[in-house]
Structure formats: structure tokens, C-alpha cells
Amino acid sequence: MTQTIDFYFDFGSPAAYLAATQLPHIAADTGATLVWKPMLLGGVFQATGNHSPADIKPKGPYMTVDLQRFAKRYAVPFVHNPHFPINTLLLMRGAIGVQSQMPDRFADYVKAVFTAMWVDGLNLNDAATVGSVLQTAGFDAAAILALANAQATKDQLKATTAEAVERGVFGAPTMFVGDQMFWGQDRLDFVRDALAA
């Protein structure tokens, strides 16, 4: 039976970006199936009482340096977005909409948004910038906006976020292998170990 990695993520998390650069390789190496679970991190924080590390003065600067260390280890580009924090509600709804209605383009959508956010450092609070990113990636920005605003899309994002909280998720990225939960992109070795067990 093929094992799965359930990957709960939000584009607003730089650690989720770093995890997203590595998890497809881990899945390929182990024969596992990577299941992308777009959730709203703000909703998780609200439900669990958690906060962004950036909100904790000593932790924010440390995390920025530590993320750079991991980006170097993974040999992937990373810049701290100067417009952080970014409201990702529309972006996450877009992810849900594309995943359900255009599954063959989901990987393209994820790559475009994560790259715009954590490689190019663009202001994705700005609707015109988001539209430009999507157009460059070959999407019809108006169609994605319509998908994102569909009631079924909104309901699914709420449901996936609630599911995450019910499973014990308190931050992003969070990965599950079976019932084992792993939080943080610095726990990917444990994900690999769980798949090999």
C-alpha cells in the first residue's frame, strides 16, 4: 500500500515554501504520494491561540537567519518578503479552486505563488500584482478570481482548515505520515524516516 504525506501549508509561511521545495523529492525517493492540503494559517492561529514567529521580537530575526541557512542547505533561492505579512486568504482560496477544478495546473499555481512570495519578494497584498503573477504563469487571472470567490471554494478552505485543527495542526508547514505529525520544514528527515519505517 502506497504511503501518503499529507502536507498542510499556507503561502504566507516561508517555512512552508522551503518544505514545498523538498517534499516532492522525498515523495519520489520513497514512492509515497504527496497530498497537498491548502489551509488558512490565520484560521489555524485563531483556533489554537498560536502566533507567527515574526510577532515575537527575538524570534523573528532569528527565524529569518535560520530560514536562510536551510535555503542554502537545500540549494534553493529564498528572500524574506519585504511586504510580510501578506493576507493569503485569496491566494489560498485560489489554491483550493485550482486544485479542485484544474488539478493538472495545481503544481503551476503553487510554484507561481510561492516563487512570487519567497523568491521574487512581490507584494501579493496587491491585487494587480497577483493578477500579473497569474497571467505570467499562464492563468486567466479573472477565472482564478471567480474560482476563489465561489462558495464551494470558500467552504472547502474552511473545511480543510478545520480538519487541520482537528488533527492537531498549530502551524505551517505540518506533515502527516499516517498518524504521525511533523511540524516545521526542519523536520523533513523525520518525515523520510517515517516513510521508511
Protein backbone atom coordinates (compact mmCIF):
# COMPACT_ATOMS: atom_id res chain seq x y z
CA MET A 1 0.00 0.00 0.00
CA THR A 2 1.38 3.40 -1.02
CA GLN A 3 2.08 5.71 1.89
CA THR A 4 0.99 9.32 1.82
CA ILE A 5 2.39 12.58 3.10
CA ASP A 6 -0.40 14.99 4.00
CA PHE A 7 1.11 18.47 3.62
CA TYR A 8 -0.80 21.32 5.27
CA PHE A 9 0.52 24.65 4.02
CA ASP A 10 -0.16 28.34 3.57
CA PHE A 11 1.71 30.52 1.08
CA GLY A 12 2.34 33.07 3.83
CA SER A 13 4.74 30.73 5.62
CA PRO A 14 8.35 30.87 4.43
CA ALA A 15 8.97 27.55 6.16
CA ALA A 16 6.13 26.04 4.12
CA TYR A 17 7.82 27.32 0.97
CA LEU A 18 11.07 25.60 1.94
CA ALA A 19 9.22 22.38 2.75
CA ALA A 20 7.45 22.55 -0.60
CA THR A 21 10.81 22.62 -2.39
CA GLN A 22 11.81 19.33 -0.72
CA LEU A 23 8.70 17.21 -0.18
CA PRO A 24 8.21 16.25 -3.86
CA HIS A 25 11.75 14.80 -3.85
CA ILE A 26 11.10 12.91 -0.62
CA ALA A 27 7.88 11.52 -2.04
CA ALA A 28 9.59 10.47 -5.27
CA ASP A 29 12.51 8.87 -3.43
CA THR A 30 10.26 6.85 -1.13
CA GLY A 31 7.42 6.06 -3.52
CA ALA A 32 4.99 7.99 -1.34
CA THR A 33 2.10 10.14 -2.55
CA LEU A 34 2.27 13.82 -1.60
CA VAL A 35 -1.18 15.18 -0.75
CA TRP A 36 -1.29 18.98 -0.78
CA LYS A 37 -3.65 20.44 1.83
CA PRO A 38 -4.13 24.20 1.38
CA MET A 39 -5.28 25.71 4.69
CA LEU A 40 -5.63 29.20 6.10
CA LEU A 41 -2.85 29.68 8.64
CA GLY A 42 -4.60 32.68 10.16
CA GLY A 43 -7.60 30.47 10.88
CA VAL A 44 -5.34 27.86 12.50
CA PHE A 45 -3.70 30.55 14.65
CA GLN A 46 -7.09 31.85 15.69
CA ALA A 47 -8.36 28.39 16.61
CA THR A 48 -5.24 27.34 18.51
CA GLY A 49 -4.08 30.61 20.07
CA ASN A 50 -0.77 30.36 18.22
CA HIS A 51 1.06 33.32 16.66
CA SER A 52 3.52 33.90 13.84
CA PRO A 53 7.18 33.74 14.96
CA ALA A 54 7.50 37.19 13.39
CA ASP A 55 5.25 38.52 16.16
CA ILE A 56 7.79 37.52 18.81
CA LYS A 57 10.58 40.10 18.76
CA PRO A 58 13.62 37.89 19.50
CA LYS A 59 12.31 35.01 17.40
CA GLY A 60 11.51 36.89 14.18
CA PRO A 61 15.08 37.94 13.29
CA TYR A 62 16.41 34.52 14.31
CA MET A 63 13.91 32.74 12.09
CA THR A 64 14.91 34.90 9.11
CA VAL A 65 18.56 33.86 9.54
CA ASP A 66 17.63 30.21 10.14
CA LEU A 67 15.46 30.08 7.02
CA GLN A 68 18.40 31.41 5.01
CA ARG A 69 20.54 28.59 6.43
CA PHE A 70 18.05 25.97 5.28
CA ALA A 71 17.62 27.58 1.87
CA LYS A 72 21.40 27.31 1.44
CA ARG A 73 21.34 23.67 2.60
CA TYR A 74 18.54 22.86 0.17
CA ALA A 75 20.22 24.90 -2.61
CA VAL A 76 17.03 26.86 -3.31
CA PRO A 77 16.51 30.61 -3.70
CA PHE A 78 14.90 32.47 -0.81
CA VAL A 79 14.36 36.10 0.12
CA HIS A 80 12.48 37.39 3.12
CA ASN A 81 9.46 39.14 1.59
CA PRO A 82 9.71 42.86 2.47
CA HIS A 83 5.92 43.13 2.38
CA PHE A 84 5.41 40.42 5.02
CA PRO A 85 2.91 39.70 6.48
CA ILE A 86 0.67 39.14 3.48
CA ASN A 87 -3.04 38.34 3.69
CA THR A 88 -3.21 34.97 1.93
CA LEU A 89 -6.99 34.40 2.04
CA LEU A 90 -7.49 34.95 -1.69
CA LEU A 91 -4.31 33.06 -2.58
CA MET A 92 -5.34 30.03 -0.51
CA ARG A 93 -8.86 30.10 -1.95
CA GLY A 94 -7.24 30.18 -5.36
CA ALA A 95 -5.19 27.11 -4.45
CA ILE A 96 -8.33 25.23 -3.39
CA GLY A 97 -10.16 26.31 -6.54
CA VAL A 98 -7.36 25.29 -8.89
CA GLN A 99 -6.81 22.02 -7.04
CA SER A 100 -10.47 21.03 -7.36
CA GLN A 101 -11.30 22.43 -10.82
CA MET A 102 -7.94 22.47 -12.66
CA PRO A 103 -5.88 19.75 -10.94
CA ASP A 104 -3.46 19.49 -13.86
CA ARG A 105 -2.45 23.14 -13.25
CA PHE A 106 -2.22 22.95 -9.45
CA ALA A 107 1.56 22.49 -9.39
CA ASP A 108 1.95 25.50 -11.70
CA TYR A 109 -0.22 27.63 -9.43
CA VAL A 110 1.68 26.61 -6.30
CA LYS A 111 5.05 27.27 -7.94
CA ALA A 112 3.97 30.67 -9.27
CA VAL A 113 2.65 31.90 -5.92
CA PHE A 114 5.45 30.52 -3.76
CA THR A 115 8.05 31.97 -6.17
CA ALA A 116 6.38 35.37 -6.24
CA MET A 117 6.20 35.38 -2.44
CA TRP A 118 9.56 33.95 -1.31
CA VAL A 119 11.90 34.27 -4.30
CA ASP A 120 10.79 37.47 -6.01
CA GLY A 121 9.54 39.15 -2.81
CA LEU A 122 6.49 40.65 -4.51
CA ASN A 123 3.67 42.44 -2.74
CA LEU A 124 0.88 39.88 -3.02
CA ASN A 125 -1.38 42.10 -0.92
CA ASP A 126 -1.80 44.00 -4.20
CA ALA A 127 -4.48 42.51 -6.47
CA ALA A 128 -2.84 43.81 -9.66
CA THR A 129 0.45 42.15 -8.71
CA VAL A 130 -1.31 38.85 -8.05
CA GLY A 131 -3.06 39.14 -11.40
CA SER A 132 0.24 39.75 -13.16
CA VAL A 133 1.86 36.74 -11.45
CA LEU A 134 -1.01 34.50 -12.53
CA GLN A 135 -1.04 35.81 -16.10
CA THR A 136 2.72 35.25 -16.41
CA ALA A 137 2.18 31.65 -15.22
CA GLY A 138 -0.38 31.13 -17.98
CA PHE A 139 -3.55 31.53 -15.93
CA ASP A 140 -6.59 33.64 -16.67
CA ALA A 141 -6.50 35.85 -13.57
CA ALA A 142 -10.20 36.68 -13.81
CA ALA A 143 -11.08 32.97 -13.98
CA ILE A 144 -8.94 32.24 -10.91
CA LEU A 145 -10.59 35.11 -9.05
CA ALA A 146 -14.01 33.68 -9.92
CA LEU A 147 -12.90 30.26 -8.70
CA ALA A 148 -11.55 31.76 -5.49
CA ASN A 149 -14.81 33.58 -4.82
CA ALA A 150 -17.06 30.57 -5.47
CA GLN A 151 -18.93 29.48 -2.35
CA ALA A 152 -17.82 25.86 -2.76
CA THR A 153 -14.19 27.02 -2.75
CA LYS A 154 -14.68 29.11 0.38
CA ASP A 155 -16.40 26.20 2.10
CA GLN A 156 -13.62 23.77 1.17
CA LEU A 157 -10.89 26.05 2.52
CA LYS A 158 -12.80 26.37 5.79
CA ALA A 159 -13.26 22.60 5.91
CA THR A 160 -9.58 21.84 5.27
CA THR A 161 -8.54 24.40 7.88
CA ALA A 162 -10.96 22.87 10.41
CA GLU A 163 -9.65 19.40 9.52
CA ALA A 164 -6.11 20.58 10.17
CA VAL A 165 -7.03 21.92 13.60
CA GLU A 166 -8.87 18.70 14.45
CA ARG A 167 -5.73 16.73 13.58
CA GLY A 168 -3.63 18.85 15.93
CA VAL A 169 -2.10 21.30 13.47
CA PHE A 170 -1.00 24.60 15.04
CA GLY A 171 1.33 26.00 12.37
CA ALA A 172 2.76 25.59 8.88
CA PRO A 173 4.15 23.54 7.43
CA THR A 174 2.68 20.44 9.04
CA MET A 175 3.10 16.99 7.56
CA PHE A 176 1.42 13.71 8.48
CA VAL A 177 2.62 10.22 7.68
CA GLY A 178 -0.22 8.07 8.93
CA ASP A 179 -0.99 9.35 12.42
CA GLN A 180 2.48 10.81 12.96
CA MET A 181 2.59 14.60 12.82
CA PHE A 182 5.68 16.63 11.95
CA TRP A 183 5.73 20.41 12.23
CA GLY A 184 8.30 22.58 10.53
CA GLN A 185 10.45 22.31 7.45
CA ASP A 186 13.33 21.33 9.74
CA ARG A 187 11.58 18.01 10.46
CA LEU A 188 11.74 16.60 6.96
CA ASP A 189 14.32 13.99 7.94
CA PHE A 190 11.74 12.56 10.34
CA VAL A 191 9.17 12.51 7.55
CA ARG A 192 11.59 10.48 5.46
CA ASP A 193 12.30 8.15 8.40
CA ALA A 194 8.58 7.58 8.99
CA LEU A 195 8.11 6.63 5.35
CA ALA A 196 10.99 4.15 5.58
CA ALA A 197 9.73 2.51 8.78
